[in-house]
Amino acid sequence: MTGPITGGCQCGAVRFRVDGALGRASICHCRMCQKAFGAFYGPLVSVRLAELTWTRGERATFQSSNKVRRGFCRDCGTPLTFECSDEVIDLAIGAFDDPSPIKPQVQLATDRALPWVHEIPDVRRIEVGGSQTLSEHHGSIVSYQHPDHDTAEWPPR
């Protein structure tokens, strides 16, 4: 996948554009990634810093270890980056406007994975349209998230 590829945080305060090819997509199971994402693992894809432009706002950073800084939106908290190099940066896959083609190629720190994470495909699934109550609930939601594309009309007035 090559650029331009856009993304940003949930509230739209921080946006980015990648003008080159995406690098290795990964899932990291280390405890720091679990905590940084508030999730079972951290899904990331690398890009060359020279091909990344921050198009709106500035990310805040947290020095999570002696080797890594993590970027996030100060306003909404969306995890955005994993930074440990002067040439390459990893971006959160879920922060891209269309994350669907960014398929992880490797899992890292699998010895730190939560003991049941490999069983997730076996967990019972309920689709939005699978129940009238759930469908009605989701139909009543008005999203205040940034749309998954750049627009001059954001934020809404």
N, C-alpha and C. Protein backbone atom coordinates (compact mmCIF):
# COMPACT_ATOMS: atom_id res chain seq x y z
N MET A 1 0.85 -1.18 0.00
CA MET A 1 0.00 0.00 0.00
C MET A 1 0.89 1.24 0.00
N THR A 2 0.62 2.15 -0.91
CA THR A 2 1.41 3.37 -0.97
C THR A 2 0.50 4.59 -0.91
N GLY A 3 1.11 5.73 -0.54
CA GLY A 3 0.39 6.96 -0.26
C GLY A 3 -0.13 7.67 -1.47
N PRO A 4 -0.88 8.75 -1.24
CA PRO A 4 -1.09 9.27 0.11
C PRO A 4 -2.15 8.47 0.87
N ILE A 5 -1.84 8.21 2.12
CA ILE A 5 -2.72 7.49 3.02
C ILE A 5 -2.91 8.39 4.24
N THR A 6 -4.16 8.61 4.64
CA THR A 6 -4.42 9.57 5.71
C THR A 6 -5.00 8.89 6.94
N GLY A 7 -4.91 9.61 8.04
CA GLY A 7 -5.47 9.11 9.29
C GLY A 7 -5.42 10.19 10.34
N GLY A 8 -5.81 9.81 11.54
CA GLY A 8 -5.78 10.75 12.65
C GLY A 8 -6.49 10.21 13.86
N CYS A 9 -6.66 11.07 14.82
CA CYS A 9 -7.27 10.68 16.09
C CYS A 9 -8.80 10.69 16.00
N GLN A 10 -9.41 10.26 17.05
CA GLN A 10 -10.87 10.16 17.12
C GLN A 10 -11.57 11.51 17.01
N CYS A 11 -11.01 12.54 17.62
CA CYS A 11 -11.69 13.85 17.63
C CYS A 11 -11.30 14.73 16.46
N GLY A 12 -10.26 14.39 15.71
CA GLY A 12 -9.84 15.17 14.56
C GLY A 12 -8.84 16.27 14.86
N ALA A 13 -8.41 16.40 16.11
CA ALA A 13 -7.45 17.44 16.46
C ALA A 13 -6.07 17.16 15.88
N VAL A 14 -5.72 15.87 15.67
CA VAL A 14 -4.44 15.49 15.10
C VAL A 14 -4.69 14.63 13.87
N ARG A 15 -4.11 15.03 12.74
CA ARG A 15 -4.26 14.31 11.48
C ARG A 15 -2.88 14.11 10.86
N PHE A 16 -2.75 13.05 10.05
CA PHE A 16 -1.49 12.77 9.38
C PHE A 16 -1.72 12.27 7.96
N ARG A 17 -0.64 12.33 7.16
CA ARG A 17 -0.65 11.80 5.80
C ARG A 17 0.67 11.08 5.56
N VAL A 18 0.60 9.90 4.98
CA VAL A 18 1.79 9.15 4.59
C VAL A 18 1.86 9.20 3.07
N ASP A 19 2.99 9.70 2.54
CA ASP A 19 3.14 9.85 1.10
C ASP A 19 3.98 8.74 0.47
N GLY A 20 4.40 7.77 1.24
CA GLY A 20 5.18 6.66 0.71
C GLY A 20 4.51 5.35 1.03
N ALA A 21 5.29 4.31 0.92
CA ALA A 21 4.78 2.96 1.18
C ALA A 21 4.76 2.68 2.68
N LEU A 22 3.78 1.93 3.11
CA LEU A 22 3.75 1.44 4.49
C LEU A 22 4.76 0.32 4.62
N GLY A 23 5.36 0.20 5.79
CA GLY A 23 6.33 -0.85 6.05
C GLY A 23 5.66 -2.05 6.71
N ARG A 24 6.37 -2.64 7.65
CA ARG A 24 5.90 -3.85 8.32
C ARG A 24 4.74 -3.53 9.26
N ALA A 25 3.66 -4.26 9.11
CA ALA A 25 2.53 -4.16 10.03
C ALA A 25 2.67 -5.28 11.06
N SER A 26 2.46 -4.92 12.34
CA SER A 26 2.68 -5.88 13.41
C SER A 26 1.63 -5.75 14.50
N ILE A 27 1.58 -6.77 15.30
CA ILE A 27 0.81 -6.76 16.54
C ILE A 27 1.80 -7.04 17.65
N CYS A 28 1.88 -6.14 18.64
CA CYS A 28 2.80 -6.35 19.75
C CYS A 28 2.01 -6.68 21.01
N HIS A 29 2.39 -7.77 21.65
CA HIS A 29 1.70 -8.25 22.84
C HIS A 29 2.38 -7.83 24.14
N CYS A 30 3.44 -7.01 24.08
CA CYS A 30 4.14 -6.63 25.31
C CYS A 30 3.20 -5.84 26.24
N ARG A 31 3.51 -5.83 27.50
CA ARG A 31 2.64 -5.16 28.47
C ARG A 31 2.57 -3.66 28.24
N MET A 32 3.66 -3.04 27.77
CA MET A 32 3.61 -1.61 27.50
C MET A 32 2.63 -1.30 26.37
N CYS A 33 2.61 -2.12 25.32
CA CYS A 33 1.64 -1.89 24.23
C CYS A 33 0.22 -2.15 24.72
N GLN A 34 0.04 -3.17 25.54
CA GLN A 34 -1.30 -3.43 26.09
C GLN A 34 -1.82 -2.20 26.85
N LYS A 35 -0.96 -1.64 27.68
CA LYS A 35 -1.39 -0.48 28.46
C LYS A 35 -1.54 0.77 27.60
N ALA A 36 -0.61 0.99 26.65
CA ALA A 36 -0.67 2.18 25.80
C ALA A 36 -1.95 2.21 24.96
N PHE A 37 -2.39 1.05 24.51
CA PHE A 37 -3.60 0.97 23.68
C PHE A 37 -4.85 0.68 24.51
N GLY A 38 -4.67 0.31 25.77
CA GLY A 38 -5.82 -0.09 26.58
C GLY A 38 -6.51 -1.28 25.95
N ALA A 39 -5.71 -2.20 25.42
CA ALA A 39 -6.24 -3.31 24.63
C ALA A 39 -5.39 -4.56 24.84
N PHE A 40 -5.75 -5.61 24.14
CA PHE A 40 -5.05 -6.89 24.28
C PHE A 40 -3.66 -6.86 23.67
N TYR A 41 -3.46 -5.97 22.68
CA TYR A 41 -2.17 -5.83 22.00
C TYR A 41 -2.14 -4.49 21.28
N GLY A 42 -0.98 -4.13 20.77
CA GLY A 42 -0.82 -2.88 20.03
C GLY A 42 -0.63 -3.17 18.55
N PRO A 43 -1.58 -2.78 17.69
CA PRO A 43 -1.42 -2.96 16.25
C PRO A 43 -0.74 -1.74 15.62
N LEU A 44 0.40 -1.93 14.98
CA LEU A 44 1.23 -0.84 14.47
C LEU A 44 1.73 -1.14 13.07
N VAL A 45 2.00 -0.08 12.31
CA VAL A 45 2.63 -0.22 11.00
C VAL A 45 3.72 0.84 10.88
N SER A 46 4.86 0.45 10.34
CA SER A 46 5.98 1.39 10.25
C SER A 46 5.91 2.21 8.96
N VAL A 47 6.40 3.44 9.06
CA VAL A 47 6.54 4.33 7.90
C VAL A 47 7.85 5.11 8.07
N ARG A 48 8.39 5.54 6.96
CA ARG A 48 9.60 6.37 7.02
C ARG A 48 9.18 7.76 7.47
N LEU A 49 9.90 8.32 8.43
CA LEU A 49 9.58 9.66 8.93
C LEU A 49 9.57 10.71 7.81
N ALA A 50 10.45 10.54 6.83
CA ALA A 50 10.52 11.49 5.72
C ALA A 50 9.25 11.47 4.87
N GLU A 51 8.44 10.42 4.99
CA GLU A 51 7.22 10.29 4.19
C GLU A 51 5.96 10.56 5.00
N LEU A 52 6.13 11.02 6.24
CA LEU A 52 5.01 11.31 7.14
C LEU A 52 4.88 12.81 7.36
N THR A 53 3.67 13.32 7.19
CA THR A 53 3.39 14.73 7.46
C THR A 53 2.24 14.81 8.45
N TRP A 54 2.43 15.61 9.48
CA TRP A 54 1.34 15.89 10.42
C TRP A 54 0.57 17.05 9.82
N THR A 55 -0.66 16.83 9.39
CA THR A 55 -1.42 17.82 8.64
C THR A 55 -2.32 18.68 9.51
N ARG A 56 -2.57 18.26 10.73
CA ARG A 56 -3.38 19.07 11.66
C ARG A 56 -2.95 18.74 13.09
N GLY A 57 -2.76 19.78 13.86
CA GLY A 57 -2.47 19.61 15.29
C GLY A 57 -1.11 19.00 15.55
N GLU A 58 -0.85 18.78 16.82
CA GLU A 58 0.40 18.16 17.25
C GLU A 58 0.09 17.05 18.23
N ARG A 59 0.78 15.94 18.07
CA ARG A 59 0.59 14.85 19.02
C ARG A 59 1.35 15.16 20.30
N ALA A 60 0.81 14.71 21.40
CA ALA A 60 1.54 14.74 22.65
C ALA A 60 2.34 13.44 22.71
N THR A 61 3.38 13.42 23.54
CA THR A 61 4.15 12.18 23.67
C THR A 61 4.37 11.83 25.14
N PHE A 62 4.58 10.55 25.35
CA PHE A 62 4.91 10.01 26.67
C PHE A 62 6.11 9.10 26.50
N GLN A 63 7.14 9.31 27.29
CA GLN A 63 8.34 8.46 27.25
C GLN A 63 8.01 7.21 28.06
N SER A 64 7.59 6.14 27.39
CA SER A 64 7.13 4.94 28.09
C SER A 64 8.27 4.04 28.56
N SER A 65 9.46 4.26 28.03
CA SER A 65 10.64 3.51 28.48
C SER A 65 11.88 4.31 28.10
N ASN A 66 13.05 3.76 28.43
CA ASN A 66 14.28 4.44 28.04
C ASN A 66 14.51 4.37 26.53
N LYS A 67 13.73 3.58 25.81
CA LYS A 67 13.92 3.40 24.38
C LYS A 67 12.77 3.94 23.52
N VAL A 68 11.58 4.12 24.11
CA VAL A 68 10.39 4.39 23.30
C VAL A 68 9.59 5.58 23.82
N ARG A 69 9.16 6.43 22.87
CA ARG A 69 8.15 7.46 23.14
C ARG A 69 6.89 7.03 22.42
N ARG A 70 5.75 7.36 23.01
CA ARG A 70 4.47 7.03 22.40
C ARG A 70 3.68 8.31 22.20
N GLY A 71 3.15 8.49 21.01
CA GLY A 71 2.38 9.67 20.69
C GLY A 71 0.89 9.41 20.80
N PHE A 72 0.16 10.45 21.16
CA PHE A 72 -1.29 10.33 21.33
C PHE A 72 -1.91 11.71 21.19
N CYS A 73 -3.22 11.74 21.03
CA CYS A 73 -3.93 13.02 20.99
C CYS A 73 -4.20 13.47 22.41
N ARG A 74 -3.77 14.67 22.72
CA ARG A 74 -3.97 15.23 24.05
C ARG A 74 -5.46 15.47 24.34
N ASP A 75 -6.26 15.71 23.30
CA ASP A 75 -7.68 16.01 23.50
C ASP A 75 -8.54 14.77 23.73
N CYS A 76 -8.38 13.73 22.89
CA CYS A 76 -9.26 12.57 23.00
C CYS A 76 -8.56 11.31 23.47
N GLY A 77 -7.22 11.32 23.53
CA GLY A 77 -6.48 10.18 24.05
C GLY A 77 -6.14 9.09 23.04
N THR A 78 -6.52 9.25 21.78
CA THR A 78 -6.25 8.22 20.79
C THR A 78 -4.76 7.92 20.70
N PRO A 79 -4.34 6.64 20.84
CA PRO A 79 -2.94 6.27 20.62
C PRO A 79 -2.59 6.46 19.15
N LEU A 80 -1.44 7.07 18.87
CA LEU A 80 -1.06 7.36 17.49
C LEU A 80 0.29 6.78 17.07
N THR A 81 1.31 6.84 17.94
CA THR A 81 2.65 6.46 17.49
C THR A 81 3.42 5.63 18.51
N PHE A 82 4.39 4.91 17.96
CA PHE A 82 5.44 4.21 18.70
C PHE A 82 6.73 4.71 18.07
N GLU A 83 7.56 5.41 18.86
CA GLU A 83 8.72 6.11 18.31
C GLU A 83 10.01 5.65 18.98
N CYS A 84 10.89 5.01 18.20
CA CYS A 84 12.17 4.57 18.76
C CYS A 84 13.32 4.71 17.77
N SER A 85 13.11 5.49 16.70
CA SER A 85 14.11 5.64 15.66
C SER A 85 14.07 7.05 15.11
N ASP A 86 15.19 7.49 14.53
CA ASP A 86 15.23 8.79 13.87
C ASP A 86 14.80 8.71 12.41
N GLU A 87 14.57 7.50 11.90
CA GLU A 87 14.23 7.32 10.49
C GLU A 87 12.85 6.72 10.26
N VAL A 88 12.39 5.93 11.22
CA VAL A 88 11.12 5.20 11.06
C VAL A 88 10.25 5.46 12.28
N ILE A 89 8.95 5.54 12.05
CA ILE A 89 7.98 5.69 13.13
C ILE A 89 6.89 4.66 12.89
N ASP A 90 6.33 4.13 13.94
CA ASP A 90 5.20 3.22 13.81
C ASP A 90 3.93 3.98 14.14
N LEU A 91 2.92 3.81 13.29
CA LEU A 91 1.62 4.44 13.49
C LEU A 91 0.60 3.38 13.89
N ALA A 92 -0.35 3.77 14.72
CA ALA A 92 -1.42 2.86 15.13
C ALA A 92 -2.29 2.54 13.93
N ILE A 93 -2.46 1.28 13.63
CA ILE A 93 -3.23 0.86 12.46
C ILE A 93 -4.66 1.39 12.54
N GLY A 94 -5.27 1.34 13.71
CA GLY A 94 -6.64 1.80 13.86
C GLY A 94 -6.83 3.29 13.66
N ALA A 95 -5.74 4.06 13.63
CA ALA A 95 -5.84 5.51 13.43
C ALA A 95 -5.92 5.89 11.95
N PHE A 96 -5.69 4.95 11.04
CA PHE A 96 -5.80 5.25 9.62
C PHE A 96 -7.28 5.38 9.24
N ASP A 97 -7.55 6.23 8.26
CA ASP A 97 -8.93 6.42 7.81
C ASP A 97 -9.52 5.12 7.28
N ASP A 98 -8.72 4.31 6.62
CA ASP A 98 -9.16 2.98 6.18
C ASP A 98 -8.10 1.98 6.59
N PRO A 99 -8.25 1.39 7.78
CA PRO A 99 -7.25 0.44 8.25
C PRO A 99 -7.40 -0.96 7.64
N SER A 100 -8.49 -1.22 6.93
CA SER A 100 -8.78 -2.58 6.47
C SER A 100 -7.70 -3.23 5.62
N PRO A 101 -6.98 -2.52 4.74
CA PRO A 101 -5.94 -3.21 3.97
C PRO A 101 -4.61 -3.41 4.71
N ILE A 102 -4.49 -2.88 5.91
CA ILE A 102 -3.21 -2.97 6.64
C ILE A 102 -3.23 -4.23 7.51
N LYS A 103 -2.86 -5.32 6.90
CA LYS A 103 -2.91 -6.64 7.55
C LYS A 103 -1.60 -6.92 8.28
N PRO A 104 -1.67 -7.21 9.58
CA PRO A 104 -0.44 -7.53 10.33
C PRO A 104 0.30 -8.71 9.70
N GLN A 105 1.63 -8.57 9.64
CA GLN A 105 2.50 -9.58 9.05
C GLN A 105 3.25 -10.39 10.10
N VAL A 106 3.30 -9.85 11.33
CA VAL A 106 4.06 -10.52 12.38
C VAL A 106 3.46 -10.16 13.74
N GLN A 107 3.56 -11.10 14.69
CA GLN A 107 3.19 -10.83 16.08
C GLN A 107 4.48 -10.81 16.89
N LEU A 108 4.60 -9.77 17.72
CA LEU A 108 5.80 -9.60 18.54
C LEU A 108 5.47 -9.86 20.01
N ALA A 109 6.49 -10.25 20.77
CA ALA A 109 6.37 -10.49 22.21
C ALA A 109 5.22 -11.44 22.53
N THR A 110 5.10 -12.50 21.75
CA THR A 110 3.99 -13.45 21.95
C THR A 110 4.07 -14.16 23.30
N ASP A 111 5.25 -14.20 23.90
CA ASP A 111 5.36 -14.79 25.22
C ASP A 111 4.69 -13.92 26.29
N ARG A 112 4.34 -12.69 25.93
CA ARG A 112 3.67 -11.78 26.85
C ARG A 112 2.16 -11.66 26.54
N ALA A 113 1.70 -12.38 25.53
CA ALA A 113 0.29 -12.32 25.15
C ALA A 113 -0.60 -12.78 26.31
N LEU A 114 -1.75 -12.16 26.43
CA LEU A 114 -2.72 -12.62 27.42
C LEU A 114 -3.04 -14.08 27.12
N PRO A 115 -3.19 -14.92 28.15
CA PRO A 115 -3.26 -16.36 27.93
C PRO A 115 -4.44 -16.83 27.07
N TRP A 116 -5.45 -16.03 26.92
CA TRP A 116 -6.65 -16.43 26.17
C TRP A 116 -6.79 -15.71 24.83
N VAL A 117 -5.85 -14.85 24.47
CA VAL A 117 -6.00 -14.03 23.26
C VAL A 117 -6.13 -14.89 22.00
N HIS A 118 -5.48 -16.04 21.97
CA HIS A 118 -5.57 -16.91 20.79
C HIS A 118 -6.95 -17.54 20.64
N GLU A 119 -7.79 -17.46 21.68
CA GLU A 119 -9.14 -18.04 21.63
C GLU A 119 -10.19 -17.04 21.13
N ILE A 120 -9.81 -15.79 20.86
CA ILE A 120 -10.77 -14.77 20.44
C ILE A 120 -11.60 -15.21 19.22
N PRO A 121 -11.02 -15.87 18.21
CA PRO A 121 -11.86 -16.28 17.08
C PRO A 121 -13.01 -17.23 17.48
N ASP A 122 -12.88 -17.88 18.63
CA ASP A 122 -13.92 -18.81 19.08
C ASP A 122 -15.00 -18.15 19.94
N VAL A 123 -14.82 -16.89 20.30
CA VAL A 123 -15.79 -16.19 21.15
C VAL A 123 -17.06 -15.93 20.33
N ARG A 124 -18.20 -16.10 20.95
CA ARG A 124 -19.50 -15.91 20.28
C ARG A 124 -19.57 -14.52 19.67
N ARG A 125 -20.11 -14.42 18.47
CA ARG A 125 -20.19 -13.16 17.74
C ARG A 125 -21.65 -12.71 17.64
N ILE A 126 -21.86 -11.43 17.82
CA ILE A 126 -23.19 -10.83 17.65
C ILE A 126 -23.03 -9.63 16.73
N GLU A 127 -23.66 -9.67 15.57
CA GLU A 127 -23.59 -8.57 14.63
C GLU A 127 -24.66 -7.54 14.95
N VAL A 128 -24.42 -6.28 14.56
CA VAL A 128 -25.37 -5.20 14.83
C VAL A 128 -26.76 -5.57 14.32
N GLY A 129 -26.85 -6.10 13.12
CA GLY A 129 -28.14 -6.47 12.55
C GLY A 129 -28.69 -7.78 13.10
N GLY A 130 -27.94 -8.42 13.98
CA GLY A 130 -28.34 -9.72 14.51
C GLY A 130 -29.41 -9.68 15.58
N SER A 131 -29.69 -8.51 16.11
CA SER A 131 -30.74 -8.39 17.11
C SER A 131 -31.44 -7.05 16.92
N GLN A 132 -32.75 -7.05 17.06
CA GLN A 132 -33.51 -5.81 16.85
C GLN A 132 -33.11 -4.76 17.89
N THR A 133 -32.92 -5.16 19.15
CA THR A 133 -32.54 -4.23 20.20
C THR A 133 -31.19 -3.59 19.89
N LEU A 134 -30.21 -4.40 19.52
CA LEU A 134 -28.88 -3.89 19.21
C LEU A 134 -28.93 -3.01 17.96
N SER A 135 -29.67 -3.43 16.96
CA SER A 135 -29.80 -2.65 15.74
C SER A 135 -30.44 -1.29 16.01
N GLU A 136 -31.49 -1.26 16.83
CA GLU A 136 -32.15 0.00 17.18
C GLU A 136 -31.20 0.90 17.97
N HIS A 137 -30.47 0.30 18.91
CA HIS A 137 -29.51 1.07 19.72
C HIS A 137 -28.46 1.72 18.81
N HIS A 138 -27.83 0.92 17.96
CA HIS A 138 -26.79 1.47 17.07
C HIS A 138 -27.37 2.49 16.11
N GLY A 139 -28.61 2.29 15.66
CA GLY A 139 -29.26 3.25 14.77
C GLY A 139 -29.53 4.59 15.42
N SER A 140 -29.58 4.63 16.75
CA SER A 140 -29.87 5.88 17.46
C SER A 140 -28.61 6.66 17.83
N ILE A 141 -27.44 6.10 17.57
CA ILE A 141 -26.18 6.74 17.94
C ILE A 141 -25.84 7.85 16.95
N VAL A 142 -25.50 9.01 17.47
CA VAL A 142 -24.99 10.12 16.66
C VAL A 142 -23.51 10.26 16.99
N SER A 143 -22.65 9.98 16.02
CA SER A 143 -21.22 10.01 16.23
C SER A 143 -20.68 11.43 16.20
N TYR A 144 -19.81 11.74 17.17
CA TYR A 144 -19.10 13.02 17.18
C TYR A 144 -17.64 12.83 16.79
N GLN A 145 -17.30 11.62 16.33
CA GLN A 145 -15.93 11.36 15.89
C GLN A 145 -15.65 12.06 14.57
N HIS A 146 -14.38 12.31 14.33
CA HIS A 146 -13.94 12.87 13.05
C HIS A 146 -14.29 11.86 11.96
N PRO A 147 -14.80 12.33 10.81
CA PRO A 147 -15.07 11.39 9.72
C PRO A 147 -13.77 10.80 9.20
N ASP A 148 -13.84 9.64 8.61
CA ASP A 148 -12.63 8.98 8.11
C ASP A 148 -12.19 9.54 6.77
N HIS A 149 -11.98 10.84 6.73
CA HIS A 149 -11.41 11.54 5.58
C HIS A 149 -11.17 12.99 5.98
N ASP A 150 -10.26 13.64 5.29
CA ASP A 150 -9.98 15.05 5.58
C ASP A 150 -11.08 15.91 4.98
N THR A 151 -11.45 16.93 5.71
CA THR A 151 -12.47 17.85 5.25
C THR A 151 -12.23 19.22 5.86
N ALA A 152 -12.51 20.25 5.10
CA ALA A 152 -12.39 21.62 5.63
C ALA A 152 -13.55 21.94 6.57
N GLU A 153 -14.55 21.10 6.58
CA GLU A 153 -15.75 21.33 7.39
C GLU A 153 -15.59 20.81 8.82
N TRP A 154 -14.42 20.43 9.22
CA TRP A 154 -14.23 19.86 10.56
C TRP A 154 -13.48 20.85 11.41
N PRO A 155 -13.80 21.04 12.65
CA PRO A 155 -14.92 20.40 13.34
C PRO A 155 -16.26 20.99 12.95
N PRO A 156 -17.34 20.23 13.19
CA PRO A 156 -18.66 20.72 12.80
C PRO A 156 -19.01 21.96 13.59
N ARG A 157 -19.76 22.84 13.00
CA ARG A 157 -20.14 24.09 13.65
C ARG A 157 -21.41 23.92 14.43
